[in-house]
Protein backbone atom coordinates (compact mmCIF):
# COMPACT_ATOMS: atom_id res chain seq x y z
CA MET A 1 -24.99 5.41 -0.66
CA ALA A 2 -24.51 1.74 -1.32
CA LYS A 3 -20.92 0.26 -0.22
CA THR A 4 -20.50 -1.98 -3.45
CA LEU A 5 -16.52 -1.71 -2.76
CA ASP A 6 -14.26 -3.24 0.81
CA VAL A 7 -11.53 -0.99 -0.42
CA LEU A 8 -10.62 1.73 -2.68
CA GLY A 9 -6.91 2.82 -3.19
CA LEU A 10 -6.04 6.21 -4.45
CA GLY A 11 -2.26 7.15 -5.01
CA GLU A 12 0.61 6.42 -7.88
CA PRO A 13 0.93 3.66 -9.73
CA MET A 14 4.56 2.69 -11.21
CA LEU A 15 5.70 0.47 -13.74
CA GLU A 16 8.58 -1.54 -12.48
CA PHE A 17 11.31 -2.88 -14.13
CA ASN A 18 13.07 -5.38 -11.65
CA GLU A 19 16.56 -6.81 -12.16
CA THR A 20 16.46 -10.71 -12.12
CA ALA A 21 18.80 -13.39 -10.54
CA GLU A 22 20.24 -14.10 -14.79
CA PRO A 23 22.45 -11.67 -16.54
CA GLY A 24 21.77 -11.35 -19.80
CA ASP A 25 24.74 -10.75 -22.84
CA GLY A 26 26.12 -7.59 -21.40
CA GLY A 27 24.18 -7.19 -17.97
CA PRO A 28 21.60 -7.74 -15.90
CA ARG A 29 17.74 -8.65 -16.91
CA TYR A 30 14.80 -6.69 -16.04
CA LEU A 31 11.14 -8.11 -15.78
CA GLN A 32 8.62 -5.56 -16.50
CA GLY A 33 6.14 -5.55 -13.94
CA PHE A 34 3.85 -3.49 -11.93
CA GLY A 35 3.97 -1.29 -8.47
CA GLY A 36 2.66 1.18 -6.32
CA ASP A 37 2.08 0.74 -2.69
CA THR A 38 -1.60 1.64 -3.09
CA SER A 39 -2.20 -0.22 -6.17
CA ASN A 40 -0.41 -2.91 -4.82
CA ALA A 41 -2.44 -3.03 -1.91
CA VAL A 42 -5.60 -2.91 -3.54
CA ILE A 43 -4.85 -5.97 -6.38
CA ALA A 44 -3.38 -7.90 -3.14
CA ALA A 45 -7.09 -7.13 -1.17
CA ALA A 46 -8.80 -8.30 -4.49
CA ARG A 47 -6.53 -11.67 -4.82
CA GLN A 48 -8.11 -11.94 -1.03
CA GLY A 49 -11.32 -11.99 -2.51
CA ALA A 50 -12.42 -8.28 -1.77
CA ALA A 51 -14.35 -5.62 -3.83
CA ALA A 52 -11.69 -3.63 -4.66
CA GLY A 53 -11.56 -0.36 -6.88
CA TYR A 54 -8.66 2.17 -7.53
CA TRP A 55 -8.44 6.00 -8.35
CA THR A 56 -5.29 7.93 -9.76
CA ARG A 57 -4.16 10.11 -12.99
CA LEU A 58 -2.18 8.14 -15.67
CA GLY A 59 -0.07 8.97 -18.76
CA ARG A 60 -1.88 8.27 -21.32
CA ASP A 61 0.39 6.89 -22.70
CA VAL A 62 1.34 2.59 -23.18
CA PHE A 63 2.44 2.21 -19.49
CA GLY A 64 -0.95 3.72 -18.73
CA ASP A 65 -2.58 1.70 -20.81
CA ARG A 66 -1.35 -1.72 -19.46
CA PHE A 67 -2.08 -0.36 -15.88
CA MET A 68 -5.68 0.03 -16.88
CA GLU A 69 -5.54 -3.78 -18.54
CA LEU A 70 -3.76 -4.96 -15.04
CA TRP A 71 -6.95 -3.71 -13.50
CA ALA A 72 -9.23 -5.15 -15.54
CA ALA A 73 -7.88 -8.43 -15.28
CA GLU A 74 -7.51 -8.23 -11.70
CA GLY A 75 -11.01 -7.00 -11.30
CA VAL A 76 -10.48 -3.89 -9.91
CA GLU A 77 -12.75 -0.95 -10.40
CA ALA A 78 -10.95 1.85 -12.33
CA GLY A 79 -13.90 3.63 -13.93
CA HIS A 80 -12.95 7.01 -12.43
CA VAL A 81 -9.11 7.03 -12.85
CA ALA A 82 -8.12 10.00 -15.35
CA ARG A 83 -5.76 9.91 -17.95
CA ASP A 84 -3.23 13.26 -18.89
CA PRO A 85 -2.18 13.92 -22.31
CA ASP A 86 0.53 15.85 -21.32
CA ALA A 87 2.67 13.93 -18.33
CA PRO A 88 3.97 10.64 -18.12
CA THR A 89 3.34 7.55 -16.28
CA GLY A 90 5.98 7.06 -13.67
CA ILE A 91 8.35 4.30 -13.76
CA TYR A 92 10.90 2.53 -11.33
CA PHE A 93 14.12 0.37 -11.06
CA VAL A 94 14.65 -2.13 -8.56
CA THR A 95 18.12 -3.69 -8.38
CA HIS A 96 19.42 -6.46 -6.24
CA GLY A 97 22.52 -6.55 -4.00
CA PRO A 98 24.14 -7.80 -0.11
CA ASP A 99 22.10 -5.41 1.49
CA GLY A 100 18.46 -6.59 -0.02
CA HIS A 101 16.40 -4.33 -2.78
CA ALA A 102 17.11 -0.77 -4.00
CA PHE A 103 14.67 1.82 -5.95
CA SER A 104 15.85 4.22 -8.78
CA TYR A 105 12.48 6.07 -9.38
CA TYR A 106 11.47 8.21 -12.73
CA ARG A 107 8.31 10.12 -11.53
CA ARG A 108 9.49 13.61 -11.79
CA ASP A 109 6.68 15.36 -13.47
CA SER A 110 4.19 11.67 -13.30
CA ALA A 111 0.68 12.06 -14.22
CA ALA A 112 0.15 11.05 -10.79
CA SER A 113 1.43 14.09 -9.22
CA ARG A 114 -1.12 16.01 -11.20
CA MET A 115 -3.70 14.76 -9.14
CA ARG A 116 -6.27 17.45 -7.98
CA PRO A 117 -8.65 17.92 -4.82
CA ALA A 118 -11.25 19.17 -7.62
CA ASP A 119 -10.93 15.66 -9.57
CA VAL A 120 -11.52 13.30 -5.90
CA PRO A 121 -14.05 10.85 -7.45
CA VAL A 122 -16.55 11.39 -4.23
CA ALA A 123 -19.02 8.96 -5.39
CA ALA A 124 -16.58 6.09 -5.76
CA ILE A 125 -15.26 6.80 -2.16
CA ALA A 126 -19.12 7.04 -0.93
CA SER A 127 -19.13 3.80 -2.13
CA ALA A 128 -16.18 2.42 -0.32
CA ARG A 129 -16.21 0.39 3.03
CA VAL A 130 -12.59 1.82 3.68
CA LEU A 131 -10.38 4.57 1.85
CA HIS A 132 -6.68 3.61 1.74
CA VAL A 133 -4.07 6.04 1.00
CA SER A 134 -0.43 6.65 1.97
CA GLY A 135 2.96 9.36 2.78
CA ILE A 136 4.06 8.53 -0.74
CA SER A 137 1.31 9.79 -2.50
CA GLN A 138 1.54 13.05 -0.34
CA ALA A 139 5.11 13.50 -0.41
CA ILE A 140 4.81 13.60 -5.05
CA SER A 141 3.40 16.92 -5.17
CA ALA A 142 1.74 19.67 -2.79
CA ASP A 143 -1.32 19.16 -4.97
CA ALA A 144 -1.52 15.37 -4.66
CA CYS A 145 -0.70 16.05 -0.50
CA ASP A 146 -4.06 17.94 -1.08
CA THR A 147 -5.91 15.58 -2.89
CA VAL A 148 -5.18 12.95 -0.20
CA PHE A 149 -7.05 15.21 2.32
CA ALA A 150 -9.50 15.83 0.28
CA ALA A 151 -10.00 12.17 -0.56
CA ILE A 152 -10.01 11.66 3.61
CA GLU A 153 -12.18 14.51 4.05
CA ALA A 154 -15.26 12.82 1.36
CA ALA A 155 -14.51 9.61 3.21
CA ARG A 156 -15.37 10.97 6.65
CA SER A 157 -18.09 12.60 5.33
CA ALA A 158 -19.89 9.34 3.59
CA GLY A 159 -18.70 7.15 6.87
CA ALA A 160 -16.29 4.65 5.24
CA ALA A 161 -13.34 4.28 7.06
CA VAL A 162 -9.63 5.29 6.23
CA SER A 163 -6.56 3.46 6.00
CA TYR A 164 -3.13 5.09 5.84
CA ASP A 165 0.17 3.29 5.62
CA THR A 166 2.75 6.17 6.22
CA ASN A 167 5.25 4.67 3.44
CA LEU A 168 7.68 7.24 4.52
CA ARG A 169 10.24 8.40 1.25
CA LEU A 170 12.75 10.86 2.44
CA LYS A 171 14.32 11.25 -0.94
CA LEU A 172 11.15 13.03 -1.93
CA TRP A 173 10.71 15.22 1.00
CA PRO A 174 12.35 16.10 4.02
CA LEU A 175 11.18 14.52 7.68
CA ALA A 176 10.07 17.38 9.14
CA ARG A 177 7.20 18.22 6.78
CA ALA A 178 6.78 14.33 6.34
CA ARG A 179 6.07 14.16 10.17
CA ALA A 180 3.82 17.16 10.39
CA VAL A 181 1.84 15.40 7.52
CA ALA A 182 1.95 11.97 8.67
CA MET A 183 0.85 12.59 12.23
CA GLU A 184 -2.16 14.98 10.83
CA THR A 185 -3.04 12.31 8.48
CA ILE A 186 -2.94 9.64 11.44
CA ALA A 187 -5.01 11.62 13.43
CA GLN A 188 -7.58 11.01 11.01
CA CYS A 189 -7.28 7.44 10.03
CA ASP A 190 -9.25 4.53 11.61
CA VAL A 191 -6.41 1.57 10.02
CA CYS A 192 -2.92 2.75 10.54
CA LEU A 193 -0.10 0.50 8.59
CA PRO A 194 3.17 1.71 9.32
CA SER A 195 6.51 0.11 8.99
CA LEU A 196 8.66 0.10 12.34
CA GLU A 197 11.31 2.00 10.53
CA ASP A 198 9.23 4.72 9.63
CA ALA A 199 7.27 4.50 12.83
CA ALA A 200 10.75 5.63 14.65
CA GLN A 201 11.41 8.20 12.34
CA LEU A 202 7.95 9.85 12.82
CA THR A 203 7.59 9.07 16.39
CA GLY A 204 11.14 9.34 17.86
CA LEU A 205 10.28 5.91 19.66
CA THR A 206 12.14 2.62 18.90
CA ASP A 207 10.13 -0.03 20.84
CA PRO A 208 6.91 -1.87 19.34
CA ASP A 209 4.32 -1.25 22.41
CA ALA A 210 5.09 2.18 22.76
CA VAL A 211 4.89 3.17 18.73
CA VAL A 212 1.52 1.83 18.95
CA ASP A 213 0.54 3.36 22.08
CA ALA A 214 1.25 6.65 20.54
CA LEU A 215 -0.16 6.14 17.43
CA LEU A 216 -3.27 5.12 19.09
CA GLU A 217 -3.09 8.56 20.96
CA ARG A 218 -2.46 10.32 17.96
CA GLY A 219 -6.04 9.34 17.09
CA ALA A 220 -5.66 5.99 14.70
CA ARG A 221 -8.57 3.02 16.00
CA VAL A 222 -6.23 0.21 14.96
CA VAL A 223 -2.70 0.27 14.37
CA ALA A 224 -1.01 -2.52 12.51
CA LEU A 225 2.70 -2.03 13.10
CA LYS A 226 4.82 -4.25 10.15
CA LEU A 227 8.09 -5.32 11.77
CA GLY A 228 9.90 -7.12 8.66
CA PRO A 229 10.84 -10.79 8.80
CA ASP A 230 9.78 -10.19 12.68
CA GLY A 231 6.33 -9.92 12.18
CA ALA A 232 3.76 -7.92 12.79
CA LEU A 233 2.33 -6.09 16.01
CA VAL A 234 -1.39 -5.09 15.92
CA GLY A 235 -3.57 -3.46 18.17
CA ASP A 236 -6.45 -1.48 19.42
CA VAL A 237 -7.53 0.60 22.99
CA HIS A 238 -8.58 -2.90 24.28
CA GLU A 239 -6.05 -5.11 22.77
CA ARG A 240 -2.77 -6.22 21.09
CA HIS A 241 -1.30 -9.14 19.25
CA ARG A 242 2.52 -9.58 18.49
CA LEU A 243 2.79 -12.13 15.18
CA ALA A 244 6.04 -13.84 14.69
CA GLY A 245 7.57 -13.77 11.44
CA HIS A 246 7.58 -16.84 8.61
CA ALA A 247 10.86 -18.30 7.30
CA VAL A 248 10.02 -18.92 3.42
CA ALA A 249 12.81 -18.63 0.81
CA THR A 250 12.83 -15.07 0.17
CA VAL A 251 13.28 -13.87 -3.23
CA ASP A 252 12.22 -10.01 -3.50
CA ALA A 253 10.34 -8.55 -0.49
CA THR A 254 9.78 -5.31 -3.09
CA GLY A 255 5.88 -4.72 -2.41
CA ALA A 256 5.28 -7.19 0.90
CA GLY A 257 4.12 -4.12 3.33
CA ASP A 258 1.79 -3.49 0.68
CA THR A 259 0.35 -7.06 0.19
CA PHE A 260 0.06 -6.95 4.14
CA ASP A 261 -1.84 -4.02 4.06
CA GLY A 262 -4.40 -5.31 1.30
CA ALA A 263 -4.44 -8.75 3.33
CA PHE A 264 -5.60 -6.98 7.01
CA LEU A 265 -7.84 -4.67 5.05
CA ALA A 266 -9.84 -7.71 3.44
CA GLU A 267 -9.66 -9.64 6.41
CA TRP A 268 -10.74 -6.48 8.64
CA VAL A 269 -13.94 -5.83 6.02
CA ARG A 270 -14.88 -9.30 6.34
CA GLY A 271 -15.27 -8.98 10.16
CA ALA A 272 -12.16 -11.13 11.01
CA SER A 273 -10.64 -9.97 14.54
CA LEU A 274 -7.52 -7.63 14.74
CA ALA A 275 -5.34 -10.70 15.43
CA ASP A 276 -7.14 -12.97 12.61
CA ALA A 277 -6.95 -10.26 10.44
CA ALA A 278 -3.42 -9.82 11.10
CA ARG A 279 -2.62 -13.38 11.14
CA TYR A 280 -3.77 -14.03 7.75
CA ALA A 281 -2.00 -10.53 6.55
CA ASN A 282 1.26 -11.70 7.70
CA ALA A 283 1.31 -14.83 5.92
CA ALA A 284 0.20 -13.15 2.66
CA ALA A 285 3.34 -10.60 2.99
CA ALA A 286 5.60 -13.38 3.68
CA LEU A 287 4.65 -15.38 1.00
CA SER A 288 4.85 -12.59 -1.34
CA THR A 289 8.44 -12.82 -1.15
CA ARG A 290 9.14 -15.50 -2.71
CA GLY A 291 8.83 -14.27 -6.53
CA TYR A 292 10.15 -10.98 -8.36
CA GLY A 293 8.53 -8.07 -8.29
CA ALA A 294 5.89 -6.33 -6.27
CA VAL A 295 2.38 -7.90 -7.98
CA GLY A 296 3.25 -10.75 -9.60
CA PRO A 297 3.97 -12.85 -6.48
CA ILE A 298 0.99 -11.74 -3.94
CA PRO A 299 -0.42 -14.73 -3.15
CA ARG A 300 -4.22 -15.65 -3.76
CA ARG A 301 -6.72 -16.53 -0.84
CA ASP A 302 -6.26 -20.05 -1.54
CA GLU A 303 -2.62 -19.92 -1.54
CA VAL A 304 -2.59 -18.77 1.78
CA GLU A 305 -5.03 -20.42 3.85
CA ALA A 306 -3.17 -23.48 2.39
CA TRP A 307 0.08 -22.02 3.40
CA LEU A 308 -1.79 -21.16 7.29
CA ALA A 309 -3.32 -24.89 7.21
CA ALA A 310 0.12 -26.64 7.05
CA GLN A 311 1.62 -23.87 9.41
CA GLY A 312 -0.86 -25.37 12.11
């Protein structure tokens, strides 16, 4: 099948309510936005010029309608998205304090948690160069976990690469199960995009180079290890590159890792070297922290390229 999509994401989108710095009468104000790690990533990819698509299960509710409108506005193909009349679209709140941002989720029995392996859009996956999935989608329910593995099997059968962000959330499942599922998924993926914090819990290692070694040995072809404000480390069995972090006027880091994922994949499928793809993604992620919300501040290609040029 012809590859008409660069990146197809699968997962759980969630409507976002992000606490802003300006208090309202009687309490804080919340900015309504959009979230969900894999949805954020494909929007980031689309804003870099990639042909992107998304598949999930949404509630047949106003929040689900808003996601469909969002993807249409961003140029993300979402024609296969299922709508559930009996389950809601999930939501979450972001609050901010001296230790950074914190999340409160309302996703139990969400429509996305009802994803089933039989519903996997095999033809859409076959049309993509890369399938992007995450550990969150595997954690929200056993059926959703099975669905992710079914999608990976469909991708591998169709010659599509598999991208995986571990996105470890221990409020959703115990570490032992998360470790077993994540390590099996890494063995089946082409690009692994964990944070150092996640990788340390999954592997027991804290040295970035040792983490990359372990994940490559596990089976990943490429590892792009996100180091937060310290940048990133990317490598395969032939090469390795360390990218320093960027100092920007950070307002809210929600979704920065997802922006890295989408920007990296957009560059990778365009044929950029690992070093150049990571350099670009590292800059895009930093720029995404300058405003509130996971999606609103994601930069577009012209902004990232101009900022990189200004950095020399």
